[in-house]
Amino acid sequence: MILLNGPNTPFGRLAWATALQLATEVENRVIDVYSAGFLDALNPLRQIPTLVLDGDRALFDSRVICAYLHSLRPEAALIPPSDWAVETRWSLAVGLMEASVARTMEMRRQPPERSMASVAKHDQRIARAIAGLEAQADEICSRKARIDRLATAVVLEYIDFRAVSDWRAAAPRLARWLEIETTRPSLVSSRPYDLQPTGGDRSILHPQIAEGARP
């Protein structure tokens, strides 16, 4: 299997971290999504992450990919069956990713084209989502791997990576938990980056572009 990915998309990072957490054999291939014409035949939306299974079979989006990878290793219990509270927290973390990426992309516009009203709406959504996750810290702040916890760690690190929000004062329990959770090997190995690293399979021509390509 090949995971078509970017260097700093939180959605793609969650899929890759899930594969690593489950010790599933997947090649993480970082691509320039804007020039990847071949991707259209696999994913008509031309979005990442996309998981190529074999030949012309592919899965997307990130939640579908994570669920599929878990189906290969259900004994890991990363996604508890029919636990709708876990599924809802996972969805909340993904929604926070969407708002954080949207804010990042809006702020990259030239000032005359930038909508500060849109930025303010994203900021409000981000603040509400973080408060919602903090309110459920009893369930999230654990060292036992689970998809809602993995997604929460990924999005909080993305917020730090892009300086989206100074969130720690509003979510002290999540902040304390994240300090330890980010040492998890699956998160260490999937950490986002901007500059091309040395060695490995993570090279990319245009490292700034891919995070907004797909939820």
C-alpha atoms as a PDB file:
ATOM      1  CA  MET A   1       0.000   0.000   0.000  1.00  0.00           C
ATOM      2  CA  ILE A   2       1.103   3.536  -0.749  1.00  0.00           C
ATOM      3  CA  LEU A   3      -0.090   6.569   1.187  1.00  0.00           C
ATOM      4  CA  LEU A   4       0.048   9.628  -1.053  1.00  0.00           C
ATOM      5  CA  ASN A   5       0.696  12.448   1.350  1.00  0.00           C
ATOM      6  CA  GLY A   6       2.152  15.889   1.960  1.00  0.00           C
ATOM      7  CA  PRO A   7       4.840  17.084   4.360  1.00  0.00           C
ATOM      8  CA  ASN A   8       2.606  18.983   6.752  1.00  0.00           C
ATOM      9  CA  THR A   9      -1.072  18.181   6.216  1.00  0.00           C
ATOM     10  CA  PRO A  10      -2.618  17.201   9.567  1.00  0.00           C
ATOM     11  CA  PHE A  11      -5.100  14.932   7.777  1.00  0.00           C
ATOM     12  CA  GLY A  12      -2.329  13.034   6.053  1.00  0.00           C
ATOM     13  CA  ARG A  13      -0.271  12.969   9.214  1.00  0.00           C
ATOM     14  CA  LEU A  14      -3.140  11.334  11.092  1.00  0.00           C
ATOM     15  CA  ALA A  15      -3.389   8.624   8.439  1.00  0.00           C
ATOM     16  CA  TRP A  16       0.381   8.033   8.501  1.00  0.00           C
ATOM     17  CA  ALA A  17       0.544   8.062  12.304  1.00  0.00           C
ATOM     18  CA  THR A  18      -2.287   5.534  12.367  1.00  0.00           C
ATOM     19  CA  ALA A  19      -0.359   3.233  10.047  1.00  0.00           C
ATOM     20  CA  LEU A  20       2.722   3.581  12.235  1.00  0.00           C
ATOM     21  CA  GLN A  21       0.762   3.033  15.431  1.00  0.00           C
ATOM     22  CA  LEU A  22      -0.739  -0.143  13.970  1.00  0.00           C
ATOM     23  CA  ALA A  23       2.635  -1.301  12.593  1.00  0.00           C
ATOM     24  CA  THR A  24       1.025  -1.661   9.168  1.00  0.00           C
ATOM     25  CA  GLU A  25       3.305  -1.885   6.150  1.00  0.00           C
ATOM     26  CA  VAL A  26       2.568   1.284   4.187  1.00  0.00           C
ATOM     27  CA  GLU A  27       4.860   3.423   2.046  1.00  0.00           C
ATOM     28  CA  ASN A  28       4.414   7.104   2.874  1.00  0.00           C
ATOM     29  CA  ARG A  29       5.011   8.940  -0.414  1.00  0.00           C
ATOM     30  CA  VAL A  30       5.114  12.740  -0.239  1.00  0.00           C
ATOM     31  CA  ILE A  31       3.915  14.341  -3.474  1.00  0.00           C
ATOM     32  CA  ASP A  32       3.348  17.772  -4.972  1.00  0.00           C
ATOM     33  CA  VAL A  33      -0.427  17.525  -5.159  1.00  0.00           C
ATOM     34  CA  TYR A  34      -0.789  20.460  -7.588  1.00  0.00           C
ATOM     35  CA  SER A  35       1.319  18.812 -10.267  1.00  0.00           C
ATOM     36  CA  ALA A  36       0.195  15.247  -9.531  1.00  0.00           C
ATOM     37  CA  GLY A  37      -2.018  14.726 -12.561  1.00  0.00           C
ATOM     38  CA  PHE A  38      -1.826  10.971 -12.032  1.00  0.00           C
ATOM     39  CA  LEU A  39      -3.785  11.423  -8.799  1.00  0.00           C
ATOM     40  CA  ASP A  40      -6.977  12.317 -10.678  1.00  0.00           C
ATOM     41  CA  ALA A  41      -7.539   8.713 -11.744  1.00  0.00           C
ATOM     42  CA  LEU A  42      -7.217   7.539  -8.141  1.00  0.00           C
ATOM     43  CA  ASN A  43      -9.008  10.372  -6.386  1.00  0.00           C
ATOM     44  CA  PRO A  44     -11.108  12.625  -8.638  1.00  0.00           C
ATOM     45  CA  LEU A  45     -10.896  15.353  -5.986  1.00  0.00           C
ATOM     46  CA  ARG A  46      -7.080  15.337  -6.319  1.00  0.00           C
ATOM     47  CA  GLN A  47      -6.708  15.468  -2.568  1.00  0.00           C
ATOM     48  CA  ILE A  48      -4.383  14.001  -0.005  1.00  0.00           C
ATOM     49  CA  PRO A  49      -4.176  11.740   1.807  1.00  0.00           C
ATOM     50  CA  THR A  50      -5.079   9.025  -0.675  1.00  0.00           C
ATOM     51  CA  LEU A  51      -4.291   5.389   0.069  1.00  0.00           C
ATOM     52  CA  VAL A  52      -3.451   3.307  -3.002  1.00  0.00           C
ATOM     53  CA  LEU A  53      -4.263  -0.335  -2.368  1.00  0.00           C
ATOM     54  CA  ASP A  54      -3.285  -1.961  -5.649  1.00  0.00           C
ATOM     55  CA  GLY A  55      -3.479  -0.951  -9.272  1.00  0.00           C
ATOM     56  CA  ASP A  56      -6.257   1.612  -9.607  1.00  0.00           C
ATOM     57  CA  ARG A  57      -7.956   0.974  -6.261  1.00  0.00           C
ATOM     58  CA  ALA A  58      -7.688   3.810  -3.768  1.00  0.00           C
ATOM     59  CA  LEU A  59      -9.298   5.024  -0.562  1.00  0.00           C
ATOM     60  CA  PHE A  60      -9.889   8.558   0.726  1.00  0.00           C
ATOM     61  CA  ASP A  61     -10.413  10.670   2.917  1.00  0.00           C
ATOM     62  CA  SER A  62      -8.361  10.494   6.133  1.00  0.00           C
ATOM     63  CA  ARG A  63     -11.148   8.990   8.247  1.00  0.00           C
ATOM     64  CA  VAL A  64     -11.839   6.281   5.679  1.00  0.00           C
ATOM     65  CA  ILE A  65      -8.118   5.507   5.464  1.00  0.00           C
ATOM     66  CA  CYS A  66      -7.741   5.264   9.243  1.00  0.00           C
ATOM     67  CA  ALA A  67     -10.786   3.008   9.509  1.00  0.00           C
ATOM     68  CA  TYR A  68      -9.472   0.764   6.741  1.00  0.00           C
ATOM     69  CA  LEU A  69      -6.022   0.473   8.310  1.00  0.00           C
ATOM     70  CA  HIS A  70      -7.645  -0.404  11.619  1.00  0.00           C
ATOM     71  CA  SER A  71      -9.733  -3.092   9.931  1.00  0.00           C
ATOM     72  CA  LEU A  72      -6.452  -4.843   9.114  1.00  0.00           C
ATOM     73  CA  ARG A  73      -5.409  -4.813  12.803  1.00  0.00           C
ATOM     74  CA  PRO A  74      -8.660  -4.750  14.809  1.00  0.00           C
ATOM     75  CA  GLU A  75      -6.974  -6.361  17.794  1.00  0.00           C
ATOM     76  CA  ALA A  76      -5.197  -3.034  18.408  1.00  0.00           C
ATOM     77  CA  ALA A  77      -8.542  -1.499  19.461  1.00  0.00           C
ATOM     78  CA  LEU A  78      -7.432   1.898  18.145  1.00  0.00           C
ATOM     79  CA  ILE A  79     -11.017   2.493  16.989  1.00  0.00           C
ATOM     80  CA  PRO A  80     -13.389   0.839  19.488  1.00  0.00           C
ATOM     81  CA  PRO A  81     -16.431  -0.651  17.735  1.00  0.00           C
ATOM     82  CA  SER A  82     -19.680   1.321  18.038  1.00  0.00           C
ATOM     83  CA  ASP A  83     -18.183   3.798  20.493  1.00  0.00           C
ATOM     84  CA  TRP A  84     -19.912   6.909  19.251  1.00  0.00           C
ATOM     85  CA  ALA A  85     -18.340   9.145  21.889  1.00  0.00           C
ATOM     86  CA  VAL A  86     -14.881   8.265  20.542  1.00  0.00           C
ATOM     87  CA  GLU A  87     -16.106   8.761  16.971  1.00  0.00           C
ATOM     88  CA  THR A  88     -17.534  12.173  17.889  1.00  0.00           C
ATOM     89  CA  ARG A  89     -14.306  13.326  19.563  1.00  0.00           C
ATOM     90  CA  TRP A  90     -12.425  12.132  16.486  1.00  0.00           C
ATOM     91  CA  SER A  91     -14.799  14.173  14.340  1.00  0.00           C
ATOM     92  CA  LEU A  92     -14.283  17.213  16.580  1.00  0.00           C
ATOM     93  CA  ALA A  93     -10.505  16.923  16.212  1.00  0.00           C
ATOM     94  CA  VAL A  94     -10.853  16.634  12.418  1.00  0.00           C
ATOM     95  CA  GLY A  95     -13.125  19.691  12.405  1.00  0.00           C
ATOM     96  CA  LEU A  96     -10.457  21.549  14.351  1.00  0.00           C
ATOM     97  CA  MET A  97      -7.942  20.511  11.682  1.00  0.00           C
ATOM     98  CA  GLU A  98     -10.226  21.923   8.989  1.00  0.00           C
ATOM     99  CA  ALA A  99     -10.626  25.258  10.766  1.00  0.00           C
ATOM    100  CA  SER A 100      -6.900  25.515  11.523  1.00  0.00           C
ATOM    101  CA  VAL A 101      -5.877  24.741   7.943  1.00  0.00           C
ATOM    102  CA  ALA A 102      -8.485  27.167   6.574  1.00  0.00           C
ATOM    103  CA  ARG A 103      -7.137  29.932   8.814  1.00  0.00           C
ATOM    104  CA  THR A 104      -3.564  29.177   7.769  1.00  0.00           C
ATOM    105  CA  MET A 105      -4.464  29.334   4.088  1.00  0.00           C
ATOM    106  CA  GLU A 106      -6.430  32.575   4.528  1.00  0.00           C
ATOM    107  CA  MET A 107      -3.475  34.217   6.272  1.00  0.00           C
ATOM    108  CA  ARG A 108      -1.218  33.285   3.343  1.00  0.00           C
ATOM    109  CA  ARG A 109      -3.227  35.474   1.018  1.00  0.00           C
ATOM    110  CA  GLN A 110      -1.805  38.860   0.147  1.00  0.00           C
ATOM    111  CA  PRO A 111      -3.212  41.512   2.517  1.00  0.00           C
ATOM    112  CA  PRO A 112      -5.534  43.078  -0.085  1.00  0.00           C
ATOM    113  CA  GLU A 113      -7.093  39.647  -0.728  1.00  0.00           C
ATOM    114  CA  ARG A 114      -7.187  38.473   2.897  1.00  0.00           C
ATOM    115  CA  SER A 115     -10.513  38.391   4.704  1.00  0.00           C
ATOM    116  CA  MET A 116     -10.006  39.199   8.361  1.00  0.00           C
ATOM    117  CA  ALA A 117     -13.698  38.486   8.903  1.00  0.00           C
ATOM    118  CA  SER A 118     -13.053  34.917   7.742  1.00  0.00           C
ATOM    119  CA  VAL A 119      -9.994  34.710   9.991  1.00  0.00           C
ATOM    120  CA  ALA A 120     -12.103  35.838  12.952  1.00  0.00           C
ATOM    121  CA  LYS A 121     -14.704  33.159  12.215  1.00  0.00           C
ATOM    122  CA  HIS A 122     -11.992  30.514  12.014  1.00  0.00           C
ATOM    123  CA  ASP A 123     -10.542  31.769  15.309  1.00  0.00           C
ATOM    124  CA  GLN A 124     -13.934  31.448  16.992  1.00  0.00           C
ATOM    125  CA  ARG A 125     -14.426  27.940  15.657  1.00  0.00           C
ATOM    126  CA  ILE A 126     -10.912  26.951  16.749  1.00  0.00           C
ATOM    127  CA  ALA A 127     -11.480  28.316  20.259  1.00  0.00           C
ATOM    128  CA  ARG A 128     -14.800  26.479  20.600  1.00  0.00           C
ATOM    129  CA  ALA A 129     -13.299  23.199  19.387  1.00  0.00           C
ATOM    130  CA  ILE A 130     -10.333  23.417  21.760  1.00  0.00           C
ATOM    131  CA  ALA A 131     -12.702  24.187  24.635  1.00  0.00           C
ATOM    132  CA  GLY A 132     -14.785  21.186  23.638  1.00  0.00           C
ATOM    133  CA  LEU A 133     -11.770  18.900  23.672  1.00  0.00           C
ATOM    134  CA  GLU A 134     -10.543  20.330  26.985  1.00  0.00           C
ATOM    135  CA  ALA A 135     -13.966  19.639  28.488  1.00  0.00           C
ATOM    136  CA  GLN A 136     -13.423  15.977  27.605  1.00  0.00           C
ATOM    137  CA  ALA A 137      -9.868  15.823  28.909  1.00  0.00           C
ATOM    138  CA  ASP A 138     -10.785  12.943  31.233  1.00  0.00           C
ATOM    139  CA  GLU A 139     -11.226  10.773  28.142  1.00  0.00           C
ATOM    140  CA  ILE A 140      -8.461  12.256  26.013  1.00  0.00           C
ATOM    141  CA  CYS A 141      -5.587  12.600  28.464  1.00  0.00           C
ATOM    142  CA  SER A 142      -4.403   9.022  28.567  1.00  0.00           C
ATOM    143  CA  ARG A 143      -1.314   7.205  27.342  1.00  0.00           C
ATOM    144  CA  LYS A 144      -3.359   4.396  25.828  1.00  0.00           C
ATOM    145  CA  ALA A 145      -3.464   4.908  22.069  1.00  0.00           C
ATOM    146  CA  ARG A 146      -6.892   5.574  20.597  1.00  0.00           C
ATOM    147  CA  ILE A 147      -7.985   7.352  17.444  1.00  0.00           C
ATOM    148  CA  ASP A 148      -9.579  10.366  19.192  1.00  0.00           C
ATOM    149  CA  ARG A 149      -6.413  10.870  21.246  1.00  0.00           C
ATOM    150  CA  LEU A 150      -4.158  10.475  18.217  1.00  0.00           C
ATOM    151  CA  ALA A 151      -6.239  12.975  16.229  1.00  0.00           C
ATOM    152  CA  THR A 152      -6.214  15.461  19.100  1.00  0.00           C
ATOM    153  CA  ALA A 153      -2.428  15.285  19.435  1.00  0.00           C
ATOM    154  CA  VAL A 154      -1.987  15.712  15.673  1.00  0.00           C
ATOM    155  CA  VAL A 155      -4.180  18.798  15.462  1.00  0.00           C
ATOM    156  CA  LEU A 156      -2.696  20.463  18.553  1.00  0.00           C
ATOM    157  CA  GLU A 157       0.806  19.979  17.139  1.00  0.00           C
ATOM    158  CA  TYR A 158      -0.369  21.408  13.818  1.00  0.00           C
ATOM    159  CA  ILE A 159      -1.737  24.471  15.631  1.00  0.00           C
ATOM    160  CA  ASP A 160       1.676  24.924  17.242  1.00  0.00           C
ATOM    161  CA  PHE A 161       3.500  24.236  13.965  1.00  0.00           C
ATOM    162  CA  ARG A 162       1.580  26.974  12.149  1.00  0.00           C
ATOM    163  CA  ALA A 163       1.211  29.292  15.180  1.00  0.00           C
ATOM    164  CA  VAL A 164      -2.539  29.207  14.647  1.00  0.00           C
ATOM    165  CA  SER A 165      -3.510  29.833  18.262  1.00  0.00           C
ATOM    166  CA  ASP A 166      -1.967  30.375  21.670  1.00  0.00           C
ATOM    167  CA  TRP A 167      -4.270  27.708  23.071  1.00  0.00           C
ATOM    168  CA  ARG A 168      -2.506  26.410  26.176  1.00  0.00           C
ATOM    169  CA  ALA A 169      -3.948  28.838  28.725  1.00  0.00           C
ATOM    170  CA  ALA A 170      -7.451  27.815  27.684  1.00  0.00           C
ATOM    171  CA  ALA A 171      -6.655  24.076  27.734  1.00  0.00           C
ATOM    172  CA  PRO A 172      -4.140  23.384  30.506  1.00  0.00           C
ATOM    173  CA  ARG A 173      -4.950  19.683  30.841  1.00  0.00           C
ATOM    174  CA  LEU A 174      -4.482  19.080  27.133  1.00  0.00           C
ATOM    175  CA  ALA A 175      -1.257  21.099  27.253  1.00  0.00           C
ATOM    176  CA  ARG A 176       0.223  18.939  30.015  1.00  0.00           C
ATOM    177  CA  TRP A 177      -0.862  15.739  28.273  1.00  0.00           C
ATOM    178  CA  LEU A 178       0.559  16.826  24.910  1.00  0.00           C
ATOM    179  CA  GLU A 179       4.040  17.285  26.370  1.00  0.00           C
ATOM    180  CA  ILE A 180       4.184  13.537  27.003  1.00  0.00           C
ATOM    181  CA  GLU A 181       1.964  12.326  24.164  1.00  0.00           C
ATOM    182  CA  THR A 182       4.199  13.864  21.507  1.00  0.00           C
ATOM    183  CA  THR A 183       6.959  11.447  22.512  1.00  0.00           C
ATOM    184  CA  ARG A 184       4.848   8.575  21.161  1.00  0.00           C
ATOM    185  CA  PRO A 185       6.937   6.975  18.360  1.00  0.00           C
ATOM    186  CA  SER A 186       4.127   7.160  15.788  1.00  0.00           C
ATOM    187  CA  LEU A 187       3.900  10.922  16.375  1.00  0.00           C
ATOM    188  CA  VAL A 188       7.644  11.494  16.459  1.00  0.00           C
ATOM    189  CA  SER A 189       8.074   9.694  13.114  1.00  0.00           C
ATOM    190  CA  SER A 190       5.212  11.555  11.417  1.00  0.00           C
ATOM    191  CA  ARG A 191       5.980  15.088  12.605  1.00  0.00           C
ATOM    192  CA  PRO A 192       5.279  17.827   9.995  1.00  0.00           C
ATOM    193  CA  TYR A 193       8.033  19.816   8.368  1.00  0.00           C
ATOM    194  CA  ASP A 194       8.496  22.634   5.860  1.00  0.00           C
ATOM    195  CA  LEU A 195      12.073  22.229   4.717  1.00  0.00           C
ATOM    196  CA  GLN A 196      13.197  19.206   2.766  1.00  0.00           C
ATOM    197  CA  PRO A 197      14.771  16.751   5.228  1.00  0.00           C
ATOM    198  CA  THR A 198      17.957  14.836   4.593  1.00  0.00           C
ATOM    199  CA  GLY A 199      17.479  11.257   3.471  1.00  0.00           C
ATOM    200  CA  GLY A 200      14.364   9.138   3.779  1.00  0.00           C
ATOM    201  CA  ASP A 201      11.350   9.176   1.477  1.00  0.00           C
ATOM    202  CA  ARG A 202       9.962  12.567   2.478  1.00  0.00           C
ATOM    203  CA  SER A 203      11.374  14.822  -0.254  1.00  0.00           C
ATOM    204  CA  ILE A 204       9.052  17.204  -2.065  1.00  0.00           C
ATOM    205  CA  LEU A 205       9.445  19.904  -4.676  1.00  0.00           C
ATOM    206  CA  HIS A 206       7.104  22.456  -3.129  1.00  0.00           C
ATOM    207  CA  PRO A 207       6.935  21.821   0.624  1.00  0.00           C
ATOM    208  CA  GLN A 208       4.521  24.645   1.478  1.00  0.00           C
ATOM    209  CA  ILE A 209       1.475  23.576  -0.494  1.00  0.00           C
ATOM    210  CA  ALA A 210      -0.033  20.329   0.559  1.00  0.00           C
ATOM    211  CA  GLU A 211      -1.680  20.887   3.912  1.00  0.00           C
ATOM    212  CA  GLY A 212      -4.802  22.509   2.528  1.00  0.00           C
ATOM    213  CA  ALA A 213      -5.352  19.952  -0.202  1.00  0.00           C
ATOM    214  CA  ARG A 214      -7.780  17.846   1.699  1.00  0.00           C
ATOM    215  CA  PRO A 215      -9.534  17.424   4.983  1.00  0.00           C
END
